[in-house]
Protein backbone atom coordinates (compact mmCIF):
# COMPACT_ATOMS: atom_id res chain seq x y z
CA MET A 1 119.31 68.98 75.05
CA PRO A 2 119.42 71.86 71.93
CA ASN A 3 123.33 73.44 72.65
CA VAL A 4 122.10 77.12 73.30
CA VAL A 5 124.27 79.98 74.40
CA VAL A 6 123.02 82.92 75.90
CA TRP A 7 124.76 86.52 75.72
CA GLU A 8 124.25 89.36 78.19
CA GLY A 9 124.17 93.00 76.18
CA HIS A 10 127.50 94.29 76.30
CA GLU A 11 128.54 90.99 74.69
CA LEU A 12 126.02 90.88 72.20
CA ILE A 13 126.86 94.94 71.24
CA ARG A 14 130.61 93.79 71.02
CA ARG A 15 130.05 90.68 68.81
CA LEU A 16 127.49 92.73 66.58
CA LEU A 17 130.37 96.03 66.28
CA SER A 18 132.66 93.48 65.09
CA HIS A 19 130.70 92.74 61.82
CA PRO A 20 129.55 96.35 60.57
CA THR A 21 127.23 95.16 57.30
CA LEU A 22 125.13 93.67 59.87
CA VAL A 23 125.20 96.71 62.23
CA GLU A 24 124.08 98.39 58.94
CA LYS A 25 121.58 95.80 57.63
CA TYR A 26 119.60 95.09 60.84
CA SER A 27 119.86 98.01 63.02
CA THR A 28 116.89 100.03 64.44
CA GLN A 29 116.44 103.85 65.47
CA LYS A 30 116.32 102.10 69.54
CA ILE A 31 119.75 100.51 68.72
CA PHE A 32 121.37 102.73 66.49
CA THR A 33 121.11 105.12 63.28
CA LYS A 34 121.93 104.78 60.16
CA LYS A 35 123.63 108.03 59.21
CA GLU A 36 125.93 107.41 62.20
CA LYS A 37 128.48 104.64 62.93
CA PRO A 38 128.44 103.21 66.61
CA SER A 39 129.49 105.05 69.31
CA LYS A 40 132.88 104.52 69.88
CA ILE A 41 132.11 105.76 73.44
CA LEU A 42 129.92 103.33 74.01
CA ASP A 43 132.15 100.76 73.42
CA THR A 44 134.60 101.46 75.63
CA GLU A 45 132.36 101.49 77.88
CA LEU A 46 130.55 98.24 77.41
CA LEU A 47 134.13 96.69 77.20
CA ASN A 48 135.16 98.46 80.65
CA ILE A 49 131.90 97.12 82.97
CA GLN A 50 132.96 93.73 81.35
CA LYS A 51 136.68 94.30 82.47
CA LEU A 52 135.18 94.41 85.58
CA MET A 53 133.29 91.91 85.66
CA LYS A 54 135.39 89.38 84.78
CA GLU A 55 138.17 90.54 86.92
CA LEU A 56 135.43 89.58 89.83
CA ASP A 57 134.43 86.90 88.17
CA ASN A 58 138.38 85.69 88.16
CA CYS A 59 139.49 86.80 92.00
CA PRO A 60 140.07 83.89 94.15
CA GLU A 61 137.88 83.57 97.13
CA GLY A 62 139.06 83.36 100.43
CA MET A 63 142.02 84.82 102.10
CA ALA A 64 144.16 83.86 98.85
CA GLY A 65 142.32 86.71 96.65
CA CYS A 66 141.42 89.12 99.54
CA LYS A 67 143.24 92.25 98.61
CA ASP A 68 142.59 91.66 94.98
CA TYR A 69 138.32 91.76 95.65
CA GLU A 70 139.09 94.84 97.57
CA ASN A 71 140.89 96.44 94.66
CA ILE A 72 138.22 95.60 92.14
CA CYS A 73 135.21 95.99 94.26
CA ILE A 74 137.25 100.02 95.01
CA LYS A 75 137.51 100.24 90.99
CA ILE A 76 133.94 99.12 90.54
CA LEU A 77 132.38 101.74 92.88
CA SER A 78 134.69 104.01 91.88
CA HIS A 79 133.29 103.82 88.09
CA LEU A 80 129.97 103.50 89.93
CA PHE A 81 129.54 106.22 91.68
CA ILE A 82 132.58 108.91 90.81
CA PRO A 83 132.27 111.81 90.09
CA ALA A 84 128.80 112.07 92.57
CA LEU A 85 131.40 110.68 95.69
CA GLU A 86 134.60 111.59 95.78
CA GLU A 87 137.71 109.52 95.37
CA PRO A 88 137.50 106.83 98.32
CA LYS A 89 139.63 106.65 101.46
CA ILE A 90 141.21 103.49 101.41
CA GLN A 91 142.05 101.50 104.76
CA SER A 92 140.80 104.09 106.44
CA ARG A 93 141.26 103.58 110.52
CA ARG A 94 139.26 105.08 113.40
CA GLU A 95 141.37 107.39 115.90
CA SER A 96 141.85 104.57 118.02
CA GLY A 97 144.13 102.99 115.19
CA ILE A 98 141.97 99.78 115.97
CA ASP A 99 138.89 99.40 113.97
CA ILE A 100 140.01 100.12 109.92
CA ARG A 101 137.27 100.27 107.73
CA ASP A 102 138.12 99.22 104.24
CA ALA A 103 136.82 102.25 102.08
CA ILE A 104 134.69 105.83 102.58
CA PHE A 105 133.48 107.51 99.85
CA PRO A 106 133.15 111.15 100.98
CA ASN A 107 129.35 112.31 99.99
CA ARG A 108 129.46 116.27 98.91
CA SER A 109 126.94 115.54 96.12
CA ASP A 110 124.28 117.78 95.08
CA ASP A 111 122.76 114.36 93.68
CA LYS A 112 119.05 114.20 94.45
CA ASN A 113 120.06 110.56 95.72
CA TRP A 114 123.37 111.20 97.47
CA LYS A 115 122.12 114.32 99.09
CA PHE A 116 119.06 112.44 100.14
CA VAL A 117 121.59 109.82 101.77
CA ARG A 118 123.70 112.66 103.35
CA ASP A 119 120.61 114.53 104.53
CA TYR A 120 118.66 111.61 105.54
CA TYR A 121 121.17 109.65 107.30
CA ASP A 122 123.34 112.06 108.30
CA ALA A 123 125.87 110.20 105.51
CA ARG A 124 129.08 112.39 105.08
CA TYR A 125 131.23 109.35 104.25
CA ILE A 126 129.61 106.12 102.82
CA VAL A 127 131.02 103.08 104.36
CA PHE A 128 132.33 100.55 102.50
CA GLU A 129 133.46 96.79 103.66
CA PHE A 130 134.65 94.39 101.40
CA LYS A 131 133.93 90.85 101.98
CA ASN A 132 135.77 88.36 100.21
CA TYR A 133 134.47 84.57 102.08
CA SER A 134 135.05 81.46 99.92
CA GLU A 135 132.29 78.42 99.74
CA ASP A 136 133.89 76.56 103.07
CA GLY A 137 134.35 79.72 104.84
CA CYS A 138 132.31 82.26 107.10
CA GLU A 139 128.74 83.36 106.22
CA ILE A 140 127.45 86.98 106.16
CA ASP A 141 126.57 86.45 109.45
CA LYS A 142 124.99 89.70 112.62
CA GLN A 143 128.97 89.16 113.31
CA VAL A 144 129.58 91.30 109.74
CA VAL A 145 126.37 93.47 110.33
CA LEU A 146 127.98 94.20 114.03
CA GLN A 147 130.87 95.14 112.41
CA ILE A 148 129.60 98.06 109.75
CA ALA A 149 127.17 98.97 112.58
CA ASP A 150 130.24 99.92 114.62
CA TYR A 151 131.87 102.20 112.49
CA LEU A 152 128.52 104.11 111.25
CA LYS A 153 129.38 106.62 113.67
CA GLN A 154 127.41 110.47 114.05
CA THR A 155 130.85 111.91 112.33
CA ILE A 156 130.33 109.25 109.84
CA GLY A 157 126.55 108.79 109.45
CA ARG A 158 124.57 105.74 109.56
CA PHE A 159 124.91 104.42 105.95
CA GLY A 160 126.88 101.66 104.93
CA ILE A 161 127.04 99.02 102.36
CA ILE A 162 128.76 95.09 102.53
CA CYS A 163 129.74 94.03 98.99
CA SER A 164 130.66 90.48 99.57
CA LYS A 165 129.73 87.24 96.23
CA LYS A 166 127.77 84.93 99.49
CA THR A 167 124.38 85.67 100.55
CA LEU A 168 123.47 87.04 103.66
CA SER A 169 122.61 84.57 106.66
CA LYS A 170 118.93 85.18 108.34
CA SER A 171 120.84 86.25 111.70
CA GLY A 172 122.53 88.83 108.81
CA LEU A 173 119.05 90.04 107.89
CA GLU A 174 117.79 89.67 111.65
CA LYS A 175 120.91 92.03 113.24
CA ARG A 176 120.70 94.58 110.04
CA LYS A 177 117.04 95.12 110.80
CA ASP A 178 117.45 95.12 114.45
CA VAL A 179 120.34 98.14 114.00
CA TYR A 180 117.58 100.09 111.95
CA ILE A 181 114.78 100.19 114.25
CA GLU A 182 117.15 100.74 117.27
CA SER A 183 119.95 102.95 115.72
CA GLN A 184 118.34 104.40 111.99
CA LYS A 185 121.63 103.01 110.89
CA LEU A 186 120.42 101.73 106.92
CA ILE A 187 123.46 98.94 106.01
CA LEU A 188 122.77 97.47 102.31
CA PHE A 189 124.22 94.24 101.41
């Protein structure tokens, strides 16, 4: 069996940038222009993304990495969605003090996609729940869906996202569909 190594695009570019003579010799208009050196912004951006991906991959599953997983997810979501969304409120408690939403991002954006979500789902806030379940632990099931569905009220909106490395169980998929049909609450995974 041949020994083959596959690199993701950002890793390939990082390696290529460390050899300027190769960039000069083999660059095309689609990647770099011959007159200009590769953009440091692109290089820095790819390295930041790579760092976040590595942090996520190295985060321990289960309770041991629960807080780290939440912090990494918030960094990733902030990188992706800010400035379109505003800075998140972390561990936001409901008025009763009982329920705690992991993160809510205020949605006052004029970006057409976020504006559509705000208008169609009354989503003045985007609710995120982080589930760092371990291999032998719980699964993303209907109870997790019901938990976030309970947070999606008229004052917040009817749009939420569950972040997890685990796949959704059949009961979770069915409950998500039921919640959408009954309450028009959209929950993404």
